[in-house]
Amino acid sequence: MPPSVHQSGPGSASVIVIDDTVALDWLVNKTVHFFNHESCGKCTPCREGTYWMSHLTRAYSRRAWNNRRRGLLLNVAKQMQGKCLCALGEFSTMAVVTGIERFRQDFDKAVKA
């Protein structure tokens, strides 16, 4: 297998198979929206964190994106880690963190567009 297969981790105890025609930023956006929808809202880090990650990835889809927003998205996800009451909140950060850290070029395309 190519090295990128072993290095990617944008899922949460699941397998996601995509080819190189799928942009990882799109996948992160869909994943974040799923977790935002599924959050029960009981704990503040998950309730607020998934909302803000969803808000920021929506800005990406509108092409209202810049390096500052990418940094803020990464910061929100990292601030949530280790602070949520259940696994859903923890898993919601994985796609964002691994997506930006390992596939930054997909996010950089929007900055240049």
C-alpha atoms as a PDB file:
ATOM      1  CA  MET A   1       0.000   0.000   0.000  1.00  0.00           C
ATOM      2  CA  PRO A   2       1.148   3.563  -0.606  1.00  0.00           C
ATOM      3  CA  PRO A   3       2.488   5.362   2.493  1.00  0.00           C
ATOM      4  CA  SER A   4      -0.425   7.834   2.491  1.00  0.00           C
ATOM      5  CA  VAL A   5      -2.870   5.017   3.233  1.00  0.00           C
ATOM      6  CA  HIS A   6      -1.050   4.168   6.449  1.00  0.00           C
ATOM      7  CA  GLN A   7      -0.646   7.816   7.487  1.00  0.00           C
ATOM      8  CA  SER A   8      -4.203   8.990   7.084  1.00  0.00           C
ATOM      9  CA  GLY A   9      -6.672   8.840   9.938  1.00  0.00           C
ATOM     10  CA  PRO A  10      -9.692  11.002   9.164  1.00  0.00           C
ATOM     11  CA  GLY A  11     -12.254   8.493  10.436  1.00  0.00           C
ATOM     12  CA  SER A  12     -13.512   7.390  13.806  1.00  0.00           C
ATOM     13  CA  ALA A  13     -13.236   3.633  14.217  1.00  0.00           C
ATOM     14  CA  SER A  14     -14.396   3.209  10.654  1.00  0.00           C
ATOM     15  CA  VAL A  15     -12.903   2.760   7.232  1.00  0.00           C
ATOM     16  CA  ILE A  16     -13.390   5.403   4.593  1.00  0.00           C
ATOM     17  CA  VAL A  17     -12.205   4.500   1.127  1.00  0.00           C
ATOM     18  CA  ILE A  18     -11.735   7.334  -1.343  1.00  0.00           C
ATOM     19  CA  ASP A  19      -9.642   7.809  -4.418  1.00  0.00           C
ATOM     20  CA  ASP A  20      -7.606  10.811  -5.480  1.00  0.00           C
ATOM     21  CA  THR A  21     -10.621  12.466  -7.116  1.00  0.00           C
ATOM     22  CA  VAL A  22     -12.110  13.213  -3.672  1.00  0.00           C
ATOM     23  CA  ALA A  23     -10.659  16.263  -1.982  1.00  0.00           C
ATOM     24  CA  LEU A  24      -9.985  15.695   1.685  1.00  0.00           C
ATOM     25  CA  ASP A  25     -11.282  19.158   2.581  1.00  0.00           C
ATOM     26  CA  TRP A  26     -14.692  18.076   1.210  1.00  0.00           C
ATOM     27  CA  LEU A  27     -14.561  14.891   3.300  1.00  0.00           C
ATOM     28  CA  VAL A  28     -13.657  16.858   6.434  1.00  0.00           C
ATOM     29  CA  ASN A  29     -16.565  19.221   5.793  1.00  0.00           C
ATOM     30  CA  LYS A  30     -19.046  16.345   5.480  1.00  0.00           C
ATOM     31  CA  THR A  31     -17.623  14.595   8.552  1.00  0.00           C
ATOM     32  CA  VAL A  32     -17.773  17.730  10.710  1.00  0.00           C
ATOM     33  CA  HIS A  33     -21.372  18.416   9.689  1.00  0.00           C
ATOM     34  CA  PHE A  34     -22.306  14.842  10.629  1.00  0.00           C
ATOM     35  CA  PHE A  35     -20.798  15.173  14.105  1.00  0.00           C
ATOM     36  CA  ASN A  36     -22.380  18.592  14.630  1.00  0.00           C
ATOM     37  CA  HIS A  37     -25.780  17.117  13.771  1.00  0.00           C
ATOM     38  CA  GLU A  38     -25.266  14.086  16.021  1.00  0.00           C
ATOM     39  CA  SER A  39     -23.992  15.967  19.073  1.00  0.00           C
ATOM     40  CA  CYS A  40     -26.415  15.673  21.990  1.00  0.00           C
ATOM     41  CA  GLY A  41     -25.298  19.065  23.298  1.00  0.00           C
ATOM     42  CA  LYS A  42     -24.689  17.832  26.843  1.00  0.00           C
ATOM     43  CA  CYS A  43     -21.067  18.938  27.112  1.00  0.00           C
ATOM     44  CA  THR A  44     -19.881  22.376  26.130  1.00  0.00           C
ATOM     45  CA  PRO A  45     -16.692  21.354  24.264  1.00  0.00           C
ATOM     46  CA  CYS A  46     -18.641  19.116  21.891  1.00  0.00           C
ATOM     47  CA  ARG A  47     -21.694  21.361  21.540  1.00  0.00           C
ATOM     48  CA  GLU A  48     -19.705  24.518  20.878  1.00  0.00           C
ATOM     49  CA  GLY A  49     -16.726  22.862  19.207  1.00  0.00           C
ATOM     50  CA  THR A  50     -18.699  20.954  16.594  1.00  0.00           C
ATOM     51  CA  TYR A  51     -20.747  24.104  15.928  1.00  0.00           C
ATOM     52  CA  TRP A  52     -17.628  26.194  15.313  1.00  0.00           C
ATOM     53  CA  MET A  53     -15.902  23.512  13.260  1.00  0.00           C
ATOM     54  CA  SER A  54     -19.062  23.262  11.153  1.00  0.00           C
ATOM     55  CA  HIS A  55     -19.233  27.057  10.814  1.00  0.00           C
ATOM     56  CA  LEU A  56     -15.606  27.228   9.690  1.00  0.00           C
ATOM     57  CA  THR A  57     -15.886  24.379   7.184  1.00  0.00           C
ATOM     58  CA  ARG A  58     -18.969  26.064   5.723  1.00  0.00           C
ATOM     59  CA  ALA A  59     -16.792  29.120   5.105  1.00  0.00           C
ATOM     60  CA  TYR A  60     -14.486  26.824   3.185  1.00  0.00           C
ATOM     61  CA  SER A  61     -17.322  25.578   0.988  1.00  0.00           C
ATOM     62  CA  ARG A  62     -18.276  29.218   0.230  1.00  0.00           C
ATOM     63  CA  ARG A  63     -14.608  29.888  -0.656  1.00  0.00           C
ATOM     64  CA  ALA A  64     -14.457  32.475   2.128  1.00  0.00           C
ATOM     65  CA  TRP A  65     -11.313  30.772   3.365  1.00  0.00           C
ATOM     66  CA  ASN A  66      -7.909  31.964   4.457  1.00  0.00           C
ATOM     67  CA  ASN A  67      -4.925  30.823   6.507  1.00  0.00           C
ATOM     68  CA  ARG A  68      -6.376  32.408   9.650  1.00  0.00           C
ATOM     69  CA  ARG A  69      -9.579  30.378   9.401  1.00  0.00           C
ATOM     70  CA  ARG A  70      -7.639  27.189   8.737  1.00  0.00           C
ATOM     71  CA  GLY A  71      -5.577  27.867  11.866  1.00  0.00           C
ATOM     72  CA  LEU A  72      -8.705  28.634  13.886  1.00  0.00           C
ATOM     73  CA  LEU A  73     -10.349  25.402  12.713  1.00  0.00           C
ATOM     74  CA  LEU A  74      -7.301  23.403  13.774  1.00  0.00           C
ATOM     75  CA  ASN A  75      -7.165  25.248  17.104  1.00  0.00           C
ATOM     76  CA  VAL A  76     -10.844  24.576  17.874  1.00  0.00           C
ATOM     77  CA  ALA A  77     -10.394  20.863  17.153  1.00  0.00           C
ATOM     78  CA  LYS A  78      -7.269  20.578  19.289  1.00  0.00           C
ATOM     79  CA  GLN A  79      -8.886  22.480  22.170  1.00  0.00           C
ATOM     80  CA  MET A  80     -11.746  19.956  22.206  1.00  0.00           C
ATOM     81  CA  GLN A  81      -9.476  16.935  22.496  1.00  0.00           C
ATOM     82  CA  GLY A  82      -9.531  15.338  25.927  1.00  0.00           C
ATOM     83  CA  LYS A  83     -12.397  17.521  27.165  1.00  0.00           C
ATOM     84  CA  CYS A  84     -15.568  15.856  25.866  1.00  0.00           C
ATOM     85  CA  LEU A  85     -17.824  13.591  27.923  1.00  0.00           C
ATOM     86  CA  CYS A  86     -18.194  10.911  25.246  1.00  0.00           C
ATOM     87  CA  ALA A  87     -16.378   9.523  22.258  1.00  0.00           C
ATOM     88  CA  LEU A  88     -18.454  11.475  19.732  1.00  0.00           C
ATOM     89  CA  GLY A  89     -16.811  14.759  20.649  1.00  0.00           C
ATOM     90  CA  GLU A  90     -13.368  13.189  20.579  1.00  0.00           C
ATOM     91  CA  PHE A  91     -13.969  11.531  17.218  1.00  0.00           C
ATOM     92  CA  SER A  92     -15.281  14.771  15.711  1.00  0.00           C
ATOM     93  CA  THR A  93     -11.820  16.304  15.970  1.00  0.00           C
ATOM     94  CA  MET A  94      -9.929  13.523  14.212  1.00  0.00           C
ATOM     95  CA  ALA A  95     -10.909  14.360  10.644  1.00  0.00           C
ATOM     96  CA  VAL A  96     -10.040  18.023  11.150  1.00  0.00           C
ATOM     97  CA  VAL A  97      -6.688  17.504  12.835  1.00  0.00           C
ATOM     98  CA  THR A  98      -5.425  14.730  10.578  1.00  0.00           C
ATOM     99  CA  GLY A  99      -6.908  16.355   7.498  1.00  0.00           C
ATOM    100  CA  ILE A 100      -5.174  19.682   8.029  1.00  0.00           C
ATOM    101  CA  GLU A 101      -1.913  18.273   9.355  1.00  0.00           C
ATOM    102  CA  ARG A 102      -1.475  15.516   6.764  1.00  0.00           C
ATOM    103  CA  PHE A 103      -3.313  16.884   3.730  1.00  0.00           C
ATOM    104  CA  ARG A 104      -2.739  20.596   4.075  1.00  0.00           C
ATOM    105  CA  GLN A 105      -2.404  21.034   0.306  1.00  0.00           C
ATOM    106  CA  ASP A 106      -6.132  20.310  -0.094  1.00  0.00           C
ATOM    107  CA  PHE A 107      -6.926  23.202   2.234  1.00  0.00           C
ATOM    108  CA  ASP A 108      -4.286  25.454   0.666  1.00  0.00           C
ATOM    109  CA  LYS A 109      -6.057  25.207  -2.708  1.00  0.00           C
ATOM    110  CA  ALA A 110      -8.933  27.278  -1.320  1.00  0.00           C
ATOM    111  CA  VAL A 111      -6.579  29.958  -0.043  1.00  0.00           C
ATOM    112  CA  LYS A 112      -5.097  30.361  -3.518  1.00  0.00           C
ATOM    113  CA  ALA A 113      -8.464  30.238  -5.321  1.00  0.00           C
END
